[in-house]
């Protein structure tokens, strides 16, 4: 599941949240915010973050039985 970066337009607070691909458009909820920032009205904007890493593994670890 990827991390999504959100910024509050009112207070400039930035938060990274873990979401599935189906829930990418859901903004952060109060439980995902720092303790002192909960309960305030927010206007969230999703940002593009550059800290995603993709590891590509080889399709095979060696020769397959039955093939020459």
C-alpha atoms as a PDB file:
ATOM      1  CA  UNK A   1       0.000   0.000   0.000  1.00  0.00           C
ATOM      2  CA  UNK A   2       1.404   3.382  -0.941  1.00  0.00           C
ATOM      3  CA  UNK A   3       1.920   6.433   1.218  1.00  0.00           C
ATOM      4  CA  UNK A   4       0.079   9.602   0.227  1.00  0.00           C
ATOM      5  CA  UNK A   5       1.151  13.095   1.270  1.00  0.00           C
ATOM      6  CA  UNK A   6      -1.601  15.556   2.227  1.00  0.00           C
ATOM      7  CA  UNK A   7      -1.285  19.247   3.111  1.00  0.00           C
ATOM      8  CA  UNK A   8      -3.849  21.313   4.988  1.00  0.00           C
ATOM      9  CA  UNK A   9      -4.360  24.556   3.051  1.00  0.00           C
ATOM     10  CA  UNK A  10      -5.394  26.433   6.205  1.00  0.00           C
ATOM     11  CA  UNK A  11      -2.523  25.568   8.556  1.00  0.00           C
ATOM     12  CA  UNK A  12       0.167  24.212   6.156  1.00  0.00           C
ATOM     13  CA  UNK A  13       0.257  20.937   8.166  1.00  0.00           C
ATOM     14  CA  UNK A  14       1.655  18.042   6.098  1.00  0.00           C
ATOM     15  CA  UNK A  15       0.720  14.432   6.855  1.00  0.00           C
ATOM     16  CA  UNK A  16       1.652  11.135   5.174  1.00  0.00           C
ATOM     17  CA  UNK A  17      -1.041   8.454   5.313  1.00  0.00           C
ATOM     18  CA  UNK A  18      -1.051   4.817   4.242  1.00  0.00           C
ATOM     19  CA  UNK A  19      -3.919   4.008   1.876  1.00  0.00           C
ATOM     20  CA  UNK A  20      -4.883   1.219  -0.482  1.00  0.00           C
ATOM     21  CA  UNK A  21      -5.167   2.044  -4.169  1.00  0.00           C
ATOM     22  CA  UNK A  22      -8.968   2.058  -3.886  1.00  0.00           C
ATOM     23  CA  UNK A  23      -8.908   4.635  -1.055  1.00  0.00           C
ATOM     24  CA  UNK A  24      -6.366   7.053  -2.544  1.00  0.00           C
ATOM     25  CA  UNK A  25      -8.828   9.958  -2.522  1.00  0.00           C
ATOM     26  CA  UNK A  26      -9.791   9.695   1.183  1.00  0.00           C
ATOM     27  CA  UNK A  27      -8.275  12.567   3.220  1.00  0.00           C
ATOM     28  CA  UNK A  28      -6.567  11.947   6.583  1.00  0.00           C
ATOM     29  CA  UNK A  29      -8.805  11.278   9.576  1.00  0.00           C
ATOM     30  CA  UNK A  30      -8.285  12.678  13.099  1.00  0.00           C
ATOM     31  CA  UNK A  31      -6.667   9.449  14.373  1.00  0.00           C
ATOM     32  CA  UNK A  32      -3.893   9.814  11.774  1.00  0.00           C
ATOM     33  CA  UNK A  33      -2.988  13.368  12.852  1.00  0.00           C
ATOM     34  CA  UNK A  34      -0.561  14.380  15.608  1.00  0.00           C
ATOM     35  CA  UNK A  35      -2.145  14.653  19.071  1.00  0.00           C
ATOM     36  CA  UNK A  36      -2.251  18.471  19.170  1.00  0.00           C
ATOM     37  CA  UNK A  37      -3.730  18.849  15.682  1.00  0.00           C
ATOM     38  CA  UNK A  38      -6.919  16.822  16.100  1.00  0.00           C
ATOM     39  CA  UNK A  39     -10.454  18.222  16.071  1.00  0.00           C
ATOM     40  CA  UNK A  40      -9.786  21.202  13.792  1.00  0.00           C
ATOM     41  CA  UNK A  41     -11.521  21.958  10.519  1.00  0.00           C
ATOM     42  CA  UNK A  42      -9.221  21.127   7.584  1.00  0.00           C
ATOM     43  CA  UNK A  43      -9.066  21.717   3.853  1.00  0.00           C
ATOM     44  CA  UNK A  44      -6.876  18.896   2.524  1.00  0.00           C
ATOM     45  CA  UNK A  45      -4.899  18.870  -0.714  1.00  0.00           C
ATOM     46  CA  UNK A  46      -3.128  15.724  -1.923  1.00  0.00           C
ATOM     47  CA  UNK A  47       0.463  16.366  -3.014  1.00  0.00           C
ATOM     48  CA  UNK A  48       2.819  14.353  -5.156  1.00  0.00           C
ATOM     49  CA  UNK A  49       5.549  12.907  -2.993  1.00  0.00           C
ATOM     50  CA  UNK A  50       8.882  11.706  -4.318  1.00  0.00           C
ATOM     51  CA  UNK A  51       9.858   9.155  -1.690  1.00  0.00           C
ATOM     52  CA  UNK A  52       8.324   6.060  -3.305  1.00  0.00           C
ATOM     53  CA  UNK A  53      10.728   3.197  -4.067  1.00  0.00           C
ATOM     54  CA  UNK A  54       9.967   0.350  -6.450  1.00  0.00           C
ATOM     55  CA  UNK A  55      11.949  -2.848  -6.084  1.00  0.00           C
ATOM     56  CA  UNK A  56      11.884  -5.009  -9.185  1.00  0.00           C
ATOM     57  CA  UNK A  57      12.744  -8.624  -8.501  1.00  0.00           C
ATOM     58  CA  UNK A  58      13.928 -11.078 -11.152  1.00  0.00           C
ATOM     59  CA  UNK A  59      11.179 -13.248 -12.610  1.00  0.00           C
ATOM     60  CA  UNK A  60      13.153 -16.436 -11.916  1.00  0.00           C
ATOM     61  CA  UNK A  61      15.905 -17.529  -9.555  1.00  0.00           C
ATOM     62  CA  UNK A  62      17.508 -19.926 -12.012  1.00  0.00           C
ATOM     63  CA  UNK A  63      16.914 -22.508 -14.667  1.00  0.00           C
ATOM     64  CA  UNK A  64      13.520 -24.182 -14.715  1.00  0.00           C
ATOM     65  CA  UNK A  65      13.254 -27.979 -14.651  1.00  0.00           C
ATOM     66  CA  UNK A  66      12.360 -29.490 -17.985  1.00  0.00           C
ATOM     67  CA  UNK A  67      13.799 -26.660 -20.066  1.00  0.00           C
ATOM     68  CA  UNK A  68      17.098 -26.796 -21.838  1.00  0.00           C
END
